[in-house]
Amino acid sequence: CNLTTQAFKDRLIRLLRYNPLNAERVATVALSVQDKPDLDFDGFVNAMRFATPVTSLMELRTRLQQRHGDIAAGLRLLDLGSLDDISVDIFERPLLLEGV
């Protein structure tokens, strides 16, 4: 059973009593993990796996490898060309989109 984005948000609001803003946030994270507009069971399970926060750099490394195939590809998607001068501010928004 595939759910459209709106159907997924409606179920979050109705069944889990999420407010519309939180339902939108959850749907955004869940659907950003896959490249399809609808959410199926496998996509949901995958989204929940990547929505779990990482608690160490080793877990971040593992997450980037799982999600993007290798660390370099993950860092490129985070717009990091060099690891020399990294600030936490660089990571904040992109990592939120990665489910970190």
N, C-alpha and C. Protein backbone atom coordinates (compact mmCIF):
# COMPACT_ATOMS: atom_id res chain seq x y z
N CYS A 1 0.85 -1.18 0.00
CA CYS A 1 0.00 0.00 0.00
C CYS A 1 0.89 1.24 0.00
N ASN A 2 0.82 2.02 -1.04
CA ASN A 2 1.58 3.26 -1.12
C ASN A 2 0.74 4.43 -0.62
N LEU A 3 1.39 5.35 0.08
CA LEU A 3 0.73 6.55 0.57
C LEU A 3 1.30 7.76 -0.15
N THR A 4 0.43 8.65 -0.59
CA THR A 4 0.90 9.93 -1.10
C THR A 4 1.37 10.77 0.09
N THR A 5 2.07 11.83 -0.19
CA THR A 5 2.55 12.71 0.87
C THR A 5 1.39 13.21 1.72
N GLN A 6 0.34 13.67 1.06
CA GLN A 6 -0.81 14.21 1.80
C GLN A 6 -1.50 13.13 2.63
N ALA A 7 -1.64 11.94 2.08
CA ALA A 7 -2.28 10.85 2.83
C ALA A 7 -1.44 10.47 4.05
N PHE A 8 -0.11 10.49 3.90
CA PHE A 8 0.78 10.19 5.02
C PHE A 8 0.62 11.24 6.12
N LYS A 9 0.60 12.52 5.73
CA LYS A 9 0.42 13.60 6.71
C LYS A 9 -0.94 13.49 7.40
N ASP A 10 -1.98 13.20 6.62
CA ASP A 10 -3.33 13.07 7.19
C ASP A 10 -3.38 11.96 8.24
N ARG A 11 -2.71 10.85 7.97
CA ARG A 11 -2.69 9.74 8.93
C ARG A 11 -1.91 10.10 10.18
N LEU A 12 -0.82 10.84 10.03
CA LEU A 12 -0.06 11.29 11.19
C LEU A 12 -0.92 12.19 12.08
N ILE A 13 -1.68 13.05 11.45
CA ILE A 13 -2.55 13.96 12.21
C ILE A 13 -3.69 13.20 12.87
N ARG A 14 -4.33 12.33 12.12
CA ARG A 14 -5.51 11.64 12.62
C ARG A 14 -5.16 10.53 13.62
N LEU A 15 -4.19 9.69 13.28
CA LEU A 15 -3.90 8.53 14.11
C LEU A 15 -2.95 8.82 15.27
N LEU A 16 -1.95 9.65 15.02
CA LEU A 16 -0.96 9.93 16.06
C LEU A 16 -1.17 11.28 16.73
N ARG A 17 -2.19 12.00 16.28
CA ARG A 17 -2.55 13.30 16.83
C ARG A 17 -1.43 14.33 16.72
N TYR A 18 -0.67 14.25 15.62
CA TYR A 18 0.36 15.25 15.35
C TYR A 18 -0.32 16.54 14.93
N ASN A 19 0.30 17.66 15.24
CA ASN A 19 -0.23 18.91 14.69
C ASN A 19 0.27 19.01 13.24
N PRO A 20 -0.36 19.84 12.42
CA PRO A 20 0.02 19.90 10.99
C PRO A 20 1.50 20.21 10.74
N LEU A 21 2.09 21.06 11.57
CA LEU A 21 3.50 21.39 11.37
C LEU A 21 4.40 20.18 11.61
N ASN A 22 4.15 19.45 12.68
CA ASN A 22 4.95 18.26 12.96
C ASN A 22 4.72 17.17 11.92
N ALA A 23 3.49 17.04 11.46
CA ALA A 23 3.20 16.06 10.41
C ALA A 23 3.97 16.41 9.14
N GLU A 24 4.05 17.69 8.82
CA GLU A 24 4.81 18.15 7.65
C GLU A 24 6.29 17.83 7.82
N ARG A 25 6.82 18.04 9.01
CA ARG A 25 8.23 17.77 9.28
C ARG A 25 8.54 16.28 9.13
N VAL A 26 7.71 15.44 9.72
CA VAL A 26 7.93 13.99 9.64
C VAL A 26 7.84 13.52 8.19
N ALA A 27 6.85 14.02 7.47
CA ALA A 27 6.69 13.63 6.07
C ALA A 27 7.89 14.08 5.24
N THR A 28 8.39 15.26 5.51
CA THR A 28 9.56 15.76 4.78
C THR A 28 10.76 14.86 5.00
N VAL A 29 11.01 14.49 6.24
CA VAL A 29 12.14 13.59 6.54
C VAL A 29 11.92 12.23 5.90
N ALA A 30 10.73 11.67 6.06
CA ALA A 30 10.45 10.33 5.55
C ALA A 30 10.58 10.27 4.03
N LEU A 31 10.10 11.30 3.35
CA LEU A 31 10.12 11.28 1.89
C LEU A 31 11.45 11.74 1.31
N SER A 32 12.29 12.40 2.11
CA SER A 32 13.59 12.84 1.60
C SER A 32 14.57 11.68 1.46
N VAL A 33 14.28 10.57 2.14
CA VAL A 33 15.18 9.42 2.11
C VAL A 33 15.07 8.66 0.80
N GLN A 34 13.93 8.73 0.15
CA GLN A 34 13.73 7.99 -1.09
C GLN A 34 13.46 8.96 -2.23
N ASP A 35 13.57 8.48 -3.43
CA ASP A 35 13.39 9.32 -4.60
C ASP A 35 12.00 9.20 -5.22
N LYS A 36 11.08 8.55 -4.50
CA LYS A 36 9.73 8.35 -5.02
C LYS A 36 8.77 9.31 -4.32
N PRO A 37 7.71 9.76 -5.00
CA PRO A 37 6.77 10.68 -4.37
C PRO A 37 5.83 10.00 -3.37
N ASP A 38 5.69 8.68 -3.47
CA ASP A 38 4.82 7.95 -2.56
C ASP A 38 5.66 7.17 -1.56
N LEU A 39 5.05 6.87 -0.43
CA LEU A 39 5.75 6.15 0.63
C LEU A 39 5.15 4.75 0.75
N ASP A 40 5.96 3.73 0.51
CA ASP A 40 5.51 2.36 0.70
C ASP A 40 6.14 1.83 1.99
N PHE A 41 5.85 0.58 2.34
CA PHE A 41 6.33 0.03 3.60
C PHE A 41 7.85 0.02 3.67
N ASP A 42 8.51 -0.45 2.61
CA ASP A 42 9.97 -0.48 2.60
C ASP A 42 10.56 0.92 2.71
N GLY A 43 9.95 1.87 2.04
CA GLY A 43 10.40 3.26 2.14
C GLY A 43 10.25 3.81 3.53
N PHE A 44 9.15 3.46 4.20
CA PHE A 44 8.93 3.91 5.57
C PHE A 44 9.98 3.32 6.51
N VAL A 45 10.24 2.03 6.38
CA VAL A 45 11.24 1.37 7.22
C VAL A 45 12.61 2.01 6.98
N ASN A 46 12.94 2.25 5.73
CA ASN A 46 14.21 2.88 5.39
C ASN A 46 14.29 4.29 5.97
N ALA A 47 13.22 5.05 5.87
CA ALA A 47 13.19 6.40 6.42
C ALA A 47 13.39 6.39 7.93
N MET A 48 12.76 5.45 8.60
CA MET A 48 12.92 5.39 10.06
C MET A 48 14.34 5.02 10.45
N ARG A 49 14.99 4.19 9.64
CA ARG A 49 16.38 3.84 9.92
C ARG A 49 17.27 5.07 9.81
N PHE A 50 17.04 5.90 8.79
CA PHE A 50 17.86 7.08 8.62
C PHE A 50 17.40 8.25 9.48
N ALA A 51 16.23 8.19 10.06
CA ALA A 51 15.74 9.26 10.93
C ALA A 51 16.31 9.14 12.33
N THR A 52 16.87 7.99 12.67
CA THR A 52 17.47 7.81 13.97
C THR A 52 18.72 8.67 14.07
N PRO A 53 18.84 9.52 15.09
CA PRO A 53 20.01 10.39 15.20
C PRO A 53 21.30 9.60 15.41
N VAL A 54 22.39 10.12 14.88
CA VAL A 54 23.70 9.54 15.15
C VAL A 54 24.27 10.23 16.38
N THR A 55 25.08 9.51 17.13
CA THR A 55 25.61 10.06 18.38
C THR A 55 27.13 10.15 18.39
N SER A 56 27.76 9.79 17.27
CA SER A 56 29.22 9.88 17.20
C SER A 56 29.65 10.08 15.76
N LEU A 57 30.89 10.48 15.59
CA LEU A 57 31.40 10.63 14.23
C LEU A 57 31.49 9.29 13.51
N MET A 58 31.73 8.22 14.26
CA MET A 58 31.76 6.89 13.65
C MET A 58 30.38 6.52 13.10
N GLU A 59 29.34 6.84 13.86
CA GLU A 59 27.99 6.58 13.36
C GLU A 59 27.67 7.47 12.15
N LEU A 60 28.16 8.72 12.16
CA LEU A 60 27.97 9.60 11.01
C LEU A 60 28.66 9.00 9.78
N ARG A 61 29.87 8.51 9.97
CA ARG A 61 30.61 7.87 8.87
C ARG A 61 29.81 6.70 8.31
N THR A 62 29.30 5.86 9.20
CA THR A 62 28.52 4.70 8.79
C THR A 62 27.25 5.13 8.06
N ARG A 63 26.58 6.16 8.57
CA ARG A 63 25.35 6.66 7.95
C ARG A 63 25.62 7.17 6.55
N LEU A 64 26.69 7.94 6.39
CA LEU A 64 27.02 8.47 5.06
C LEU A 64 27.33 7.35 4.08
N GLN A 65 28.03 6.33 4.55
CA GLN A 65 28.32 5.18 3.67
C GLN A 65 27.05 4.44 3.29
N GLN A 66 26.17 4.20 4.25
CA GLN A 66 24.92 3.49 3.97
C GLN A 66 24.05 4.28 3.01
N ARG A 67 23.95 5.56 3.24
CA ARG A 67 23.02 6.39 2.48
C ARG A 67 23.53 6.74 1.08
N HIS A 68 24.86 6.98 0.97
CA HIS A 68 25.39 7.51 -0.28
C HIS A 68 26.44 6.63 -0.95
N GLY A 69 26.73 5.48 -0.37
CA GLY A 69 27.69 4.56 -0.98
C GLY A 69 29.11 4.72 -0.48
N ASP A 70 29.53 5.95 -0.27
CA ASP A 70 30.84 6.19 0.33
C ASP A 70 30.85 7.55 1.02
N ILE A 71 31.86 7.77 1.84
CA ILE A 71 31.93 8.99 2.64
C ILE A 71 32.12 10.21 1.76
N ALA A 72 32.96 10.10 0.74
CA ALA A 72 33.24 11.24 -0.13
C ALA A 72 31.95 11.75 -0.80
N ALA A 73 31.11 10.83 -1.26
CA ALA A 73 29.84 11.23 -1.88
C ALA A 73 28.94 11.93 -0.88
N GLY A 74 28.88 11.41 0.34
CA GLY A 74 28.09 12.04 1.38
C GLY A 74 28.59 13.43 1.72
N LEU A 75 29.90 13.59 1.81
CA LEU A 75 30.47 14.91 2.11
C LEU A 75 30.23 15.88 0.96
N ARG A 76 30.28 15.39 -0.28
CA ARG A 76 29.98 16.27 -1.43
C ARG A 76 28.54 16.77 -1.35
N LEU A 77 27.63 15.89 -0.98
CA LEU A 77 26.23 16.31 -0.87
C LEU A 77 26.01 17.29 0.27
N LEU A 78 26.90 17.26 1.26
CA LEU A 78 26.85 18.22 2.36
C LEU A 78 27.60 19.51 2.02
N ASP A 79 28.09 19.60 0.79
CA ASP A 79 28.86 20.76 0.31
C ASP A 79 30.14 20.96 1.10
N LEU A 80 30.82 19.89 1.42
CA LEU A 80 32.11 19.96 2.10
C LEU A 80 33.19 19.51 1.14
N GLY A 81 34.02 20.45 0.72
CA GLY A 81 35.09 20.10 -0.19
C GLY A 81 36.33 19.63 0.54
N SER A 82 36.56 20.19 1.73
CA SER A 82 37.75 19.85 2.51
C SER A 82 37.36 19.65 3.96
N LEU A 83 38.06 18.78 4.62
CA LEU A 83 37.79 18.53 6.03
C LEU A 83 38.70 19.35 6.94
N ASP A 84 39.48 20.27 6.36
CA ASP A 84 40.45 21.04 7.14
C ASP A 84 39.79 21.98 8.14
N ASP A 85 38.86 22.77 7.68
CA ASP A 85 38.23 23.77 8.55
C ASP A 85 36.73 23.51 8.63
N ILE A 86 36.34 22.63 9.51
CA ILE A 86 34.93 22.27 9.64
C ILE A 86 34.38 22.89 10.92
N SER A 87 33.26 23.57 10.77
CA SER A 87 32.55 24.15 11.90
C SER A 87 31.22 23.42 12.04
N VAL A 88 30.70 23.38 13.25
CA VAL A 88 29.41 22.73 13.47
C VAL A 88 28.31 23.42 12.68
N ASP A 89 28.47 24.72 12.42
CA ASP A 89 27.47 25.46 11.64
C ASP A 89 27.34 24.93 10.21
N ILE A 90 28.41 24.40 9.68
CA ILE A 90 28.38 23.85 8.33
C ILE A 90 27.45 22.64 8.28
N PHE A 91 27.41 21.88 9.36
CA PHE A 91 26.66 20.62 9.39
C PHE A 91 25.18 20.78 9.73
N GLU A 92 24.80 21.83 10.41
CA GLU A 92 23.47 21.90 10.99
C GLU A 92 22.33 21.62 10.01
N ARG A 93 22.15 22.44 9.00
CA ARG A 93 21.03 22.26 8.08
C ARG A 93 21.15 20.99 7.23
N PRO A 94 22.31 20.75 6.58
CA PRO A 94 22.40 19.53 5.77
C PRO A 94 22.18 18.25 6.57
N LEU A 95 22.67 18.22 7.80
CA LEU A 95 22.50 17.00 8.59
C LEU A 95 21.06 16.80 9.02
N LEU A 96 20.34 17.88 9.23
CA LEU A 96 18.92 17.73 9.53
C LEU A 96 18.21 17.05 8.37
N LEU A 97 18.61 17.40 7.16
CA LEU A 97 18.01 16.77 5.98
C LEU A 97 18.42 15.31 5.83
N GLU A 98 19.54 14.93 6.43
CA GLU A 98 20.00 13.54 6.39
C GLU A 98 19.38 12.72 7.52
N GLY A 99 18.62 13.36 8.39
CA GLY A 99 18.00 12.63 9.48
C GLY A 99 18.94 12.45 10.67
N VAL A 100 19.87 13.37 10.81
CA VAL A 100 20.82 13.27 11.92
C VAL A 100 20.37 14.18 13.04
